[in-house]
Amino acid sequence: MIIEKTDIATICKNDGKSIELFFKDFSENYTTFADNNIIIEFSDGKGEEKQNILLFLQYSKGHRNNGMSFVIVIDGIDIDDISDEIIIVPTLVEAHDIIEMENIERDLGF
């Protein structure tokens, strides 16, 4: 797993592992970036099944309940088949936009 910190989020990038192995790495390192907005970035999600993405649902719920953003970047997944409690976007730019909008909403008290 490759971890990159930006001014608005910590980006966790898959370094070519299966989603299951990436999830294991993510789980082991979660406490080191739990206080930041998180972007999970998969370069190519084609062929991945939704149950693999849903591994991150528990983290998404908890992170969002703590007032932080949690966004997964993956292309090739039908977002209509995924729970509304997990945010999935196809590009990193869209992930940054989501986090900026959620930061504004939090600042306004929504």
PDB file of N, CA and C in Angstrom:
ATOM      1  N   MET A   1       0.848  -1.173   0.000  1.00  0.00           N
ATOM      2  CA  MET A   1       0.000   0.000   0.000  1.00  0.00           C
ATOM      3  C   MET A   1       0.894   1.237   0.000  1.00  0.00           C
ATOM      4  N   ILE A   2       0.540   2.175  -0.831  1.00  0.00           N
ATOM      5  CA  ILE A   2       1.263   3.444  -0.911  1.00  0.00           C
ATOM      6  C   ILE A   2       0.404   4.508  -0.232  1.00  0.00           C
ATOM      7  N   ILE A   3       0.985   5.218   0.732  1.00  0.00           N
ATOM      8  CA  ILE A   3       0.248   6.244   1.473  1.00  0.00           C
ATOM      9  C   ILE A   3       0.818   7.603   1.109  1.00  0.00           C
ATOM     10  N   GLU A   4      -0.080   8.505   0.715  1.00  0.00           N
ATOM     11  CA  GLU A   4       0.315   9.867   0.333  1.00  0.00           C
ATOM     12  C   GLU A   4      -0.589  10.848   1.070  1.00  0.00           C
ATOM     13  N   LYS A   5       0.011  11.794   1.755  1.00  0.00           N
ATOM     14  CA  LYS A   5      -0.779  12.810   2.464  1.00  0.00           C
ATOM     15  C   LYS A   5      -0.837  14.079   1.626  1.00  0.00           C
ATOM     16  N   THR A   6      -2.041  14.640   1.509  1.00  0.00           N
ATOM     17  CA  THR A   6      -2.230  15.910   0.833  1.00  0.00           C
ATOM     18  C   THR A   6      -2.808  16.894   1.853  1.00  0.00           C
ATOM     19  N   ASP A   7      -3.100  18.091   1.401  1.00  0.00           N
ATOM     20  CA  ASP A   7      -3.637  19.088   2.316  1.00  0.00           C
ATOM     21  C   ASP A   7      -5.063  18.773   2.762  1.00  0.00           C
ATOM     22  N   ILE A   8      -5.812  17.949   2.006  1.00  0.00           N
ATOM     23  CA  ILE A   8      -7.184  17.665   2.418  1.00  0.00           C
ATOM     24  C   ILE A   8      -7.456  16.200   2.749  1.00  0.00           C
ATOM     25  N   ALA A   9      -6.524  15.298   2.449  1.00  0.00           N
ATOM     26  CA  ALA A   9      -6.801  13.880   2.689  1.00  0.00           C
ATOM     27  C   ALA A   9      -5.525  13.045   2.700  1.00  0.00           C
ATOM     28  N   THR A  10      -5.676  11.854   3.234  1.00  0.00           N
ATOM     29  CA  THR A  10      -4.651  10.832   3.107  1.00  0.00           C
ATOM     30  C   THR A  10      -5.121   9.888   2.009  1.00  0.00           C
ATOM     31  N   ILE A  11      -4.268   9.685   1.015  1.00  0.00           N
ATOM     32  CA  ILE A  11      -4.618   8.828  -0.116  1.00  0.00           C
ATOM     33  C   ILE A  11      -3.894   7.495   0.062  1.00  0.00           C
ATOM     34  N   CYS A  12      -4.660   6.424   0.089  1.00  0.00           N
ATOM     35  CA  CYS A  12      -4.107   5.077   0.193  1.00  0.00           C
ATOM     36  C   CYS A  12      -4.261   4.430  -1.176  1.00  0.00           C
ATOM     37  N   LYS A  13      -3.128   4.156  -1.811  1.00  0.00           N
ATOM     38  CA  LYS A  13      -3.143   3.608  -3.170  1.00  0.00           C
ATOM     39  C   LYS A  13      -2.798   2.129  -3.142  1.00  0.00           C
ATOM     40  N   ASN A  14      -3.505   1.388  -3.963  1.00  0.00           N
ATOM     41  CA  ASN A  14      -3.204  -0.022  -4.115  1.00  0.00           C
ATOM     42  C   ASN A  14      -1.954  -0.155  -4.979  1.00  0.00           C
ATOM     43  N   ASP A  15      -1.027  -0.956  -4.519  1.00  0.00           N
ATOM     44  CA  ASP A  15       0.217  -1.147  -5.266  1.00  0.00           C
ATOM     45  C   ASP A  15       0.206  -2.456  -6.053  1.00  0.00           C
ATOM     46  N   GLY A  16      -0.952  -2.782  -6.600  1.00  0.00           N
ATOM     47  CA  GLY A  16      -1.066  -3.951  -7.468  1.00  0.00           C
ATOM     48  C   GLY A  16      -1.546  -5.210  -6.785  1.00  0.00           C
ATOM     49  N   LYS A  17      -1.868  -5.127  -5.516  1.00  0.00           N
ATOM     50  CA  LYS A  17      -2.347  -6.290  -4.786  1.00  0.00           C
ATOM     51  C   LYS A  17      -3.834  -6.503  -5.066  1.00  0.00           C
ATOM     52  N   SER A  18      -4.323  -7.666  -4.700  1.00  0.00           N
ATOM     53  CA  SER A  18      -5.766  -7.898  -4.761  1.00  0.00           C
ATOM     54  C   SER A  18      -6.427  -6.986  -3.728  1.00  0.00           C
ATOM     55  N   ILE A  19      -7.707  -6.748  -3.903  1.00  0.00           N
ATOM     56  CA  ILE A  19      -8.404  -5.883  -2.951  1.00  0.00           C
ATOM     57  C   ILE A  19      -8.385  -6.501  -1.559  1.00  0.00           C
ATOM     58  N   GLU A  20      -8.465  -7.821  -1.473  1.00  0.00           N
ATOM     59  CA  GLU A  20      -8.442  -8.474  -0.172  1.00  0.00           C
ATOM     60  C   GLU A  20      -7.123  -8.221   0.566  1.00  0.00           C
ATOM     61  N   LEU A  21      -5.999  -8.329  -0.137  1.00  0.00           N
ATOM     62  CA  LEU A  21      -4.698  -8.064   0.490  1.00  0.00           C
ATOM     63  C   LEU A  21      -4.525  -6.586   0.806  1.00  0.00           C
ATOM     64  N   PHE A  22      -4.994  -5.734  -0.086  1.00  0.00           N
ATOM     65  CA  PHE A  22      -4.937  -4.295   0.167  1.00  0.00           C
ATOM     66  C   PHE A  22      -5.760  -3.955   1.407  1.00  0.00           C
ATOM     67  N   PHE A  23      -6.943  -4.566   1.530  1.00  0.00           N
ATOM     68  CA  PHE A  23      -7.799  -4.329   2.691  1.00  0.00           C
ATOM     69  C   PHE A  23      -7.084  -4.734   3.982  1.00  0.00           C
ATOM     70  N   LYS A  24      -6.370  -5.849   3.953  1.00  0.00           N
ATOM     71  CA  LYS A  24      -5.626  -6.293   5.129  1.00  0.00           C
ATOM     72  C   LYS A  24      -4.570  -5.254   5.515  1.00  0.00           C
ATOM     73  N   ASP A  25      -3.812  -4.759   4.530  1.00  0.00           N
ATOM     74  CA  ASP A  25      -2.818  -3.709   4.793  1.00  0.00           C
ATOM     75  C   ASP A  25      -3.480  -2.453   5.341  1.00  0.00           C
ATOM     76  N   PHE A  26      -4.594  -2.074   4.722  1.00  0.00           N
ATOM     77  CA  PHE A  26      -5.321  -0.881   5.144  1.00  0.00           C
ATOM     78  C   PHE A  26      -5.768  -1.018   6.599  1.00  0.00           C
ATOM     79  N   SER A  27      -6.346  -2.165   6.935  1.00  0.00           N
ATOM     80  CA  SER A  27      -6.837  -2.400   8.298  1.00  0.00           C
ATOM     81  C   SER A  27      -5.714  -2.304   9.320  1.00  0.00           C
ATOM     82  N   GLU A  28      -4.558  -2.852   8.978  1.00  0.00           N
ATOM     83  CA  GLU A  28      -3.417  -2.832   9.897  1.00  0.00           C
ATOM     84  C   GLU A  28      -2.866  -1.427  10.102  1.00  0.00           C
ATOM     85  N   ASN A  29      -3.017  -0.551   9.116  1.00  0.00           N
ATOM     86  CA  ASN A  29      -2.448   0.800   9.191  1.00  0.00           C
ATOM     87  C   ASN A  29      -3.482   1.889   9.464  1.00  0.00           C
ATOM     88  N   TYR A  30      -4.739   1.528   9.584  1.00  0.00           N
ATOM     89  CA  TYR A  30      -5.823   2.508   9.686  1.00  0.00           C
ATOM     90  C   TYR A  30      -5.605   3.534  10.803  1.00  0.00           C
ATOM     91  N   THR A  31      -5.144   3.104  11.944  1.00  0.00           N
ATOM     92  CA  THR A  31      -5.004   4.032  13.074  1.00  0.00           C
ATOM     93  C   THR A  31      -4.014   5.156  12.804  1.00  0.00           C
ATOM     94  N   THR A  32      -3.088   4.958  11.865  1.00  0.00           N
ATOM     95  CA  THR A  32      -2.092   6.003  11.582  1.00  0.00           C
ATOM     96  C   THR A  32      -2.679   7.174  10.805  1.00  0.00           C
ATOM     97  N   PHE A  33      -3.810   6.966  10.138  1.00  0.00           N
ATOM     98  CA  PHE A  33      -4.426   8.058   9.378  1.00  0.00           C
ATOM     99  C   PHE A  33      -5.918   8.193   9.654  1.00  0.00           C
ATOM    100  N   ALA A  34      -6.384   7.646  10.772  1.00  0.00           N
ATOM    101  CA  ALA A  34      -7.808   7.665  11.108  1.00  0.00           C
ATOM    102  C   ALA A  34      -8.347   9.067  11.366  1.00  0.00           C
ATOM    103  N   ASP A  35      -7.473  10.018  11.680  1.00  0.00           N
ATOM    104  CA  ASP A  35      -7.924  11.385  11.967  1.00  0.00           C
ATOM    105  C   ASP A  35      -7.939  12.275  10.727  1.00  0.00           C
ATOM    106  N   ASN A  36      -7.757  11.702   9.568  1.00  0.00           N
ATOM    107  CA  ASN A  36      -7.741  12.457   8.310  1.00  0.00           C
ATOM    108  C   ASN A  36      -8.884  11.995   7.412  1.00  0.00           C
ATOM    109  N   ASN A  37      -9.243  12.855   6.463  1.00  0.00           N
ATOM    110  CA  ASN A  37     -10.108  12.398   5.380  1.00  0.00           C
ATOM    111  C   ASN A  37      -9.330  11.327   4.623  1.00  0.00           C
ATOM    112  N   ILE A  38     -10.024  10.311   4.137  1.00  0.00           N
ATOM    113  CA  ILE A  38      -9.338   9.198   3.481  1.00  0.00           C
ATOM    114  C   ILE A  38      -9.870   8.999   2.067  1.00  0.00           C
ATOM    115  N   ILE A  39      -8.934   8.814   1.150  1.00  0.00           N
ATOM    116  CA  ILE A  39      -9.254   8.418  -0.221  1.00  0.00           C
ATOM    117  C   ILE A  39      -8.566   7.083  -0.459  1.00  0.00           C
ATOM    118  N   ILE A  40      -9.350   6.091  -0.844  1.00  0.00           N
ATOM    119  CA  ILE A  40      -8.809   4.793  -1.229  1.00  0.00           C
ATOM    120  C   ILE A  40      -8.767   4.801  -2.751  1.00  0.00           C
ATOM    121  N   GLU A  41      -7.590   4.614  -3.327  1.00  0.00           N
ATOM    122  CA  GLU A  41      -7.466   4.696  -4.785  1.00  0.00           C
ATOM    123  C   GLU A  41      -7.046   3.362  -5.388  1.00  0.00           C
ATOM    124  N   PHE A  42      -7.916   2.856  -6.240  1.00  0.00           N
ATOM    125  CA  PHE A  42      -7.609   1.681  -7.048  1.00  0.00           C
ATOM    126  C   PHE A  42      -7.442   2.171  -8.471  1.00  0.00           C
ATOM    127  N   SER A  43      -6.341   1.846  -9.094  1.00  0.00           N
ATOM    128  CA  SER A  43      -6.098   2.356 -10.446  1.00  0.00           C
ATOM    129  C   SER A  43      -7.042   1.752 -11.458  1.00  0.00           C
ATOM    130  N   ASP A  44      -7.445   0.504 -11.245  1.00  0.00           N
ATOM    131  CA  ASP A  44      -8.330  -0.142 -12.207  1.00  0.00           C
ATOM    132  C   ASP A  44      -9.199  -1.143 -11.478  1.00  0.00           C
ATOM    133  N   GLY A  45     -10.486  -0.871 -11.451  1.00  0.00           N
ATOM    134  CA  GLY A  45     -11.396  -1.760 -10.752  1.00  0.00           C
ATOM    135  C   GLY A  45     -12.107  -2.738 -11.649  1.00  0.00           C
ATOM    136  N   LYS A  46     -11.771  -2.727 -12.898  1.00  0.00           N
ATOM    137  CA  LYS A  46     -12.442  -3.626 -13.819  1.00  0.00           C
ATOM    138  C   LYS A  46     -12.227  -5.064 -13.379  1.00  0.00           C
ATOM    139  N   GLY A  47     -13.315  -5.786 -13.308  1.00  0.00           N
ATOM    140  CA  GLY A  47     -13.243  -7.172 -12.894  1.00  0.00           C
ATOM    141  C   GLY A  47     -13.403  -7.372 -11.399  1.00  0.00           C
ATOM    142  N   GLU A  48     -13.385  -6.307 -10.625  1.00  0.00           N
ATOM    143  CA  GLU A  48     -13.583  -6.440  -9.181  1.00  0.00           C
ATOM    144  C   GLU A  48     -15.068  -6.587  -8.894  1.00  0.00           C
ATOM    145  N   GLU A  49     -15.365  -7.368  -7.907  1.00  0.00           N
ATOM    146  CA  GLU A  49     -16.746  -7.589  -7.531  1.00  0.00           C
ATOM    147  C   GLU A  49     -17.111  -6.680  -6.369  1.00  0.00           C
ATOM    148  N   LYS A  50     -18.412  -6.363  -6.294  1.00  0.00           N
ATOM    149  CA  LYS A  50     -18.837  -5.393  -5.289  1.00  0.00           C
ATOM    150  C   LYS A  50     -18.570  -5.862  -3.872  1.00  0.00           C
ATOM    151  N   GLN A  51     -18.617  -7.170  -3.597  1.00  0.00           N
ATOM    152  CA  GLN A  51     -18.359  -7.624  -2.230  1.00  0.00           C
ATOM    153  C   GLN A  51     -16.937  -7.307  -1.796  1.00  0.00           C
ATOM    154  N   ASN A  52     -16.002  -7.208  -2.758  1.00  0.00           N
ATOM    155  CA  ASN A  52     -14.639  -6.814  -2.412  1.00  0.00           C
ATOM    156  C   ASN A  52     -14.586  -5.354  -1.981  1.00  0.00           C
ATOM    157  N   ILE A  53     -15.331  -4.519  -2.649  1.00  0.00           N
ATOM    158  CA  ILE A  53     -15.387  -3.098  -2.282  1.00  0.00           C
ATOM    159  C   ILE A  53     -16.101  -2.930  -0.946  1.00  0.00           C
ATOM    160  N   LEU A  54     -17.107  -3.770  -0.707  1.00  0.00           N
ATOM    161  CA  LEU A  54     -17.869  -3.661   0.528  1.00  0.00           C
ATOM    162  C   LEU A  54     -17.061  -4.043   1.771  1.00  0.00           C
ATOM    163  N   LEU A  55     -15.865  -4.586   1.592  1.00  0.00           N
ATOM    164  CA  LEU A  55     -14.979  -4.817   2.729  1.00  0.00           C
ATOM    165  C   LEU A  55     -14.720  -3.510   3.476  1.00  0.00           C
ATOM    166  N   PHE A  56     -14.722  -2.404   2.736  1.00  0.00           N
ATOM    167  CA  PHE A  56     -14.410  -1.097   3.317  1.00  0.00           C
ATOM    168  C   PHE A  56     -15.616  -0.417   3.952  1.00  0.00           C
ATOM    169  N   LEU A  57     -16.793  -1.030   3.880  1.00  0.00           N
ATOM    170  CA  LEU A  57     -18.019  -0.406   4.378  1.00  0.00           C
ATOM    171  C   LEU A  57     -17.936  -0.071   5.858  1.00  0.00           C
ATOM    172  N   GLN A  58     -17.415  -0.973   6.670  1.00  0.00           N
ATOM    173  CA  GLN A  58     -17.326  -0.698   8.108  1.00  0.00           C
ATOM    174  C   GLN A  58     -16.458   0.523   8.392  1.00  0.00           C
ATOM    175  N   TYR A  59     -15.368   0.663   7.657  1.00  0.00           N
ATOM    176  CA  TYR A  59     -14.501   1.830   7.852  1.00  0.00           C
ATOM    177  C   TYR A  59     -15.184   3.097   7.356  1.00  0.00           C
ATOM    178  N   SER A  60     -15.876   2.996   6.241  1.00  0.00           N
ATOM    179  CA  SER A  60     -16.577   4.155   5.697  1.00  0.00           C
ATOM    180  C   SER A  60     -17.618   4.669   6.691  1.00  0.00           C
ATOM    181  N   LYS A  61     -18.420   3.780   7.230  1.00  0.00           N
ATOM    182  CA  LYS A  61     -19.452   4.175   8.204  1.00  0.00           C
ATOM    183  C   LYS A  61     -18.836   4.837   9.424  1.00  0.00           C
ATOM    184  N   GLY A  62     -17.852   4.171  10.014  1.00  0.00           N
ATOM    185  CA  GLY A  62     -17.227   4.696  11.218  1.00  0.00           C
ATOM    186  C   GLY A  62     -16.528   6.016  10.987  1.00  0.00           C
ATOM    187  N   HIS A  63     -15.834   6.112   9.871  1.00  0.00           N
ATOM    188  CA  HIS A  63     -15.090   7.324   9.565  1.00  0.00           C
ATOM    189  C   HIS A  63     -16.035   8.502   9.350  1.00  0.00           C
ATOM    190  N   ARG A  64     -17.103   8.256   8.612  1.00  0.00           N
ATOM    191  CA  ARG A  64     -18.070   9.321   8.341  1.00  0.00           C
ATOM    192  C   ARG A  64     -18.831   9.697   9.613  1.00  0.00           C
ATOM    193  N   ASN A  65     -19.102   8.738  10.493  1.00  0.00           N
ATOM    194  CA  ASN A  65     -19.759   9.039  11.764  1.00  0.00           C
ATOM    195  C   ASN A  65     -18.870   9.892  12.662  1.00  0.00           C
ATOM    196  N   ASN A  66     -17.565   9.828  12.445  1.00  0.00           N
ATOM    197  CA  ASN A  66     -16.619  10.653  13.207  1.00  0.00           C
ATOM    198  C   ASN A  66     -16.364  12.005  12.553  1.00  0.00           C
ATOM    199  N   GLY A  67     -17.164  12.353  11.543  1.00  0.00           N
ATOM    200  CA  GLY A  67     -17.064  13.672  10.927  1.00  0.00           C
ATOM    201  C   GLY A  67     -15.963  13.813   9.903  1.00  0.00           C
ATOM    202  N   MET A  68     -15.540  12.706   9.335  1.00  0.00           N
ATOM    203  CA  MET A  68     -14.490  12.748   8.324  1.00  0.00           C
ATOM    204  C   MET A  68     -15.011  12.123   7.031  1.00  0.00           C
ATOM    205  N   SER A  69     -14.357  12.435   5.927  1.00  0.00           N
ATOM    206  CA  SER A  69     -14.748  11.901   4.626  1.00  0.00           C
ATOM    207  C   SER A  69     -13.993  10.615   4.319  1.00  0.00           C
ATOM    208  N   PHE A  70     -14.670   9.730   3.588  1.00  0.00           N
ATOM    209  CA  PHE A  70     -14.090   8.452   3.176  1.00  0.00           C
ATOM    210  C   PHE A  70     -14.588   8.187   1.762  1.00  0.00           C
ATOM    211  N   VAL A  71     -13.684   8.206   0.792  1.00  0.00           N
ATOM    212  CA  VAL A  71     -14.064   8.081  -0.615  1.00  0.00           C
ATOM    213  C   VAL A  71     -13.207   7.005  -1.273  1.00  0.00           C
ATOM    214  N   ILE A  72     -13.833   6.172  -2.088  1.00  0.00           N
ATOM    215  CA  ILE A  72     -13.107   5.149  -2.836  1.00  0.00           C
ATOM    216  C   ILE A  72     -13.094   5.542  -4.304  1.00  0.00           C
ATOM    217  N   VAL A  73     -11.914   5.530  -4.905  1.00  0.00           N
ATOM    218  CA  VAL A  73     -11.752   5.832  -6.328  1.00  0.00           C
ATOM    219  C   VAL A  73     -11.551   4.514  -7.051  1.00  0.00           C
ATOM    220  N   ILE A  74     -12.529   4.175  -7.871  1.00  0.00           N
ATOM    221  CA  ILE A  74     -12.446   2.944  -8.649  1.00  0.00           C
ATOM    222  C   ILE A  74     -13.357   3.093  -9.860  1.00  0.00           C
ATOM    223  N   ASP A  75     -12.855   2.707 -10.984  1.00  0.00           N
ATOM    224  CA  ASP A  75     -13.634   2.782 -12.215  1.00  0.00           C
ATOM    225  C   ASP A  75     -14.045   1.366 -12.599  1.00  0.00           C
ATOM    226  N   GLY A  76     -15.204   1.237 -13.182  1.00  0.00           N
ATOM    227  CA  GLY A  76     -15.645  -0.070 -13.639  1.00  0.00           C
ATOM    228  C   GLY A  76     -16.596  -0.767 -12.691  1.00  0.00           C
ATOM    229  N   ILE A  77     -17.014  -0.088 -11.628  1.00  0.00           N
ATOM    230  CA  ILE A  77     -17.979  -0.650 -10.683  1.00  0.00           C
ATOM    231  C   ILE A  77     -19.289   0.110 -10.859  1.00  0.00           C
ATOM    232  N   ASP A  78     -20.396  -0.605 -10.927  1.00  0.00           N
ATOM    233  CA  ASP A  78     -21.710   0.035 -11.018  1.00  0.00           C
ATOM    234  C   ASP A  78     -22.090   0.532  -9.628  1.00  0.00           C
ATOM    235  N   ILE A  79     -22.048   1.850  -9.436  1.00  0.00           N
ATOM    236  CA  ILE A  79     -22.286   2.412  -8.105  1.00  0.00           C
ATOM    237  C   ILE A  79     -23.716   2.206  -7.628  1.00  0.00           C
ATOM    238  N   ASP A  80     -24.625   1.902  -8.548  1.00  0.00           N
ATOM    239  CA  ASP A  80     -25.998   1.629  -8.143  1.00  0.00           C
ATOM    240  C   ASP A  80     -26.112   0.314  -7.388  1.00  0.00           C
ATOM    241  N   ASP A  81     -25.119  -0.555  -7.517  1.00  0.00           N
ATOM    242  CA  ASP A  81     -25.117  -1.840  -6.820  1.00  0.00           C
ATOM    243  C   ASP A  81     -24.434  -1.770  -5.458  1.00  0.00           C
ATOM    244  N   ILE A  82     -23.935  -0.595  -5.098  1.00  0.00           N
ATOM    245  CA  ILE A  82     -23.186  -0.424  -3.849  1.00  0.00           C
ATOM    246  C   ILE A  82     -24.027   0.368  -2.855  1.00  0.00           C
ATOM    247  N   SER A  83     -23.851   0.082  -1.581  1.00  0.00           N
ATOM    248  CA  SER A  83     -24.564   0.769  -0.513  1.00  0.00           C
ATOM    249  C   SER A  83     -24.349   2.285  -0.596  1.00  0.00           C
ATOM    250  N   ASP A  84     -25.377   3.039  -0.227  1.00  0.00           N
ATOM    251  CA  ASP A  84     -25.272   4.497  -0.194  1.00  0.00           C
ATOM    252  C   ASP A  84     -24.334   4.982   0.906  1.00  0.00           C
ATOM    253  N   GLU A  85     -23.953   4.091   1.793  1.00  0.00           N
ATOM    254  CA  GLU A  85     -23.092   4.466   2.907  1.00  0.00           C
ATOM    255  C   GLU A  85     -21.618   4.477   2.535  1.00  0.00           C
ATOM    256  N   ILE A  86     -21.327   4.178   1.293  1.00  0.00           N
ATOM    257  CA  ILE A  86     -19.949   4.210   0.829  1.00  0.00           C
ATOM    258  C   ILE A  86     -19.910   5.042  -0.455  1.00  0.00           C
ATOM    259  N   ILE A  87     -18.999   5.995  -0.511  1.00  0.00           N
ATOM    260  CA  ILE A  87     -18.911   6.888  -1.670  1.00  0.00           C
ATOM    261  C   ILE A  87     -17.857   6.353  -2.625  1.00  0.00           C
ATOM    262  N   ILE A  88     -18.284   6.128  -3.867  1.00  0.00           N
ATOM    263  CA  ILE A  88     -17.388   5.642  -4.912  1.00  0.00           C
ATOM    264  C   ILE A  88     -17.433   6.608  -6.074  1.00  0.00           C
ATOM    265  N   VAL A  89     -16.263   7.004  -6.542  1.00  0.00           N
ATOM    266  CA  VAL A  89     -16.147   7.882  -7.704  1.00  0.00           C
ATOM    267  C   VAL A  89     -15.111   7.289  -8.661  1.00  0.00           C
ATOM    268  N   PRO A  90     -15.199   7.648  -9.949  1.00  0.00           N
ATOM    269  CA  PRO A  90     -14.270   7.059 -10.917  1.00  0.00           C
ATOM    270  C   PRO A  90     -12.900   7.724 -11.015  1.00  0.00           C
ATOM    271  N   THR A  91     -12.735   8.952 -10.486  1.00  0.00           N
ATOM    272  CA  THR A  91     -11.449   9.642 -10.630  1.00  0.00           C
ATOM    273  C   THR A  91     -11.010  10.283  -9.313  1.00  0.00           C
ATOM    274  N   LEU A  92      -9.713  10.503  -9.204  1.00  0.00           N
ATOM    275  CA  LEU A  92      -9.148  11.150  -8.030  1.00  0.00           C
ATOM    276  C   LEU A  92      -9.616  12.602  -7.912  1.00  0.00           C
ATOM    277  N   VAL A  93      -9.789  13.271  -9.034  1.00  0.00           N
ATOM    278  CA  VAL A  93     -10.276  14.661  -9.024  1.00  0.00           C
ATOM    279  C   VAL A  93     -11.658  14.725  -8.393  1.00  0.00           C
ATOM    280  N   GLU A  94     -12.523  13.779  -8.754  1.00  0.00           N
ATOM    281  CA  GLU A  94     -13.866  13.754  -8.170  1.00  0.00           C
ATOM    282  C   GLU A  94     -13.816  13.455  -6.673  1.00  0.00           C
ATOM    283  N   ALA A  95     -12.883  12.624  -6.247  1.00  0.00           N
ATOM    284  CA  ALA A  95     -12.735  12.342  -4.820  1.00  0.00           C
ATOM    285  C   ALA A  95     -12.365  13.610  -4.053  1.00  0.00           C
ATOM    286  N   HIS A  96     -11.438  14.387  -4.603  1.00  0.00           N
ATOM    287  CA  HIS A  96     -11.068  15.660  -3.974  1.00  0.00           C
ATOM    288  C   HIS A  96     -12.262  16.602  -3.928  1.00  0.00           C
ATOM    289  N   ASP A  97     -13.039  16.654  -4.998  1.00  0.00           N
ATOM    290  CA  ASP A  97     -14.233  17.518  -5.030  1.00  0.00           C
ATOM    291  C   ASP A  97     -15.239  17.112  -3.955  1.00  0.00           C
ATOM    292  N   ILE A  98     -15.463  15.816  -3.798  1.00  0.00           N
ATOM    293  CA  ILE A  98     -16.392  15.319  -2.772  1.00  0.00           C
ATOM    294  C   ILE A  98     -15.927  15.748  -1.389  1.00  0.00           C
ATOM    295  N   ILE A  99     -14.645  15.578  -1.122  1.00  0.00           N
ATOM    296  CA  ILE A  99     -14.123  15.940   0.196  1.00  0.00           C
ATOM    297  C   ILE A  99     -14.242  17.441   0.436  1.00  0.00           C
ATOM    298  N   GLU A 100     -13.946  18.238  -0.569  1.00  0.00           N
ATOM    299  CA  GLU A 100     -14.089  19.690  -0.410  1.00  0.00           C
ATOM    300  C   GLU A 100     -15.533  20.069  -0.134  1.00  0.00           C
ATOM    301  N   MET A 101     -16.481  19.439  -0.836  1.00  0.00           N
ATOM    302  CA  MET A 101     -17.905  19.736  -0.593  1.00  0.00           C
ATOM    303  C   MET A 101     -18.316  19.296   0.813  1.00  0.00           C
ATOM    304  N   GLU A 102     -17.869  18.130   1.241  1.00  0.00           N
ATOM    305  CA  GLU A 102     -18.219  17.662   2.584  1.00  0.00           C
ATOM    306  C   GLU A 102     -17.581  18.533   3.659  1.00  0.00           C
ATOM    307  N   ASN A 103     -16.370  19.035   3.419  1.00  0.00           N
ATOM    308  CA  ASN A 103     -15.752  19.962   4.373  1.00  0.00           C
ATOM    309  C   ASN A 103     -16.572  21.233   4.498  1.00  0.00           C
ATOM    310  N   ILE A 104     -17.052  21.746   3.390  1.00  0.00           N
ATOM    311  CA  ILE A 104     -17.899  22.951   3.413  1.00  0.00           C
ATOM    312  C   ILE A 104     -19.182  22.665   4.178  1.00  0.00           C
ATOM    313  N   GLU A 105     -19.820  21.514   3.910  1.00  0.00           N
ATOM    314  CA  GLU A 105     -21.050  21.147   4.622  1.00  0.00           C
ATOM    315  C   GLU A 105     -20.814  21.059   6.129  1.00  0.00           C
ATOM    316  N   ARG A 106     -19.694  20.465   6.520  1.00  0.00           N
ATOM    317  CA  ARG A 106     -19.383  20.356   7.948  1.00  0.00           C
ATOM    318  C   ARG A 106     -19.164  21.740   8.558  1.00  0.00           C
ATOM    319  N   ASP A 107     -18.481  22.625   7.825  1.00  0.00           N
ATOM    320  CA  ASP A 107     -18.247  23.984   8.319  1.00  0.00           C
ATOM    321  C   ASP A 107     -19.555  24.745   8.490  1.00  0.00           C
ATOM    322  N   LEU A 108     -20.528  24.450   7.630  1.00  0.00           N
ATOM    323  CA  LEU A 108     -21.832  25.111   7.708  1.00  0.00           C
ATOM    324  C   LEU A 108     -22.794  24.429   8.692  1.00  0.00           C
ATOM    325  N   GLY A 109     -22.372  23.295   9.234  1.00  0.00           N
ATOM    326  CA  GLY A 109     -23.191  22.604  10.235  1.00  0.00           C
ATOM    327  C   GLY A 109     -24.218  21.643   9.681  1.00  0.00           C
ATOM    328  N   PHE A 110     -24.058  21.227   8.442  1.00  0.00           N
ATOM    329  CA  PHE A 110     -24.998  20.259   7.866  1.00  0.00           C
ATOM    330  C   PHE A 110     -24.653  18.863   8.285  1.00  0.00           C
TER     331      PHE A 110
END
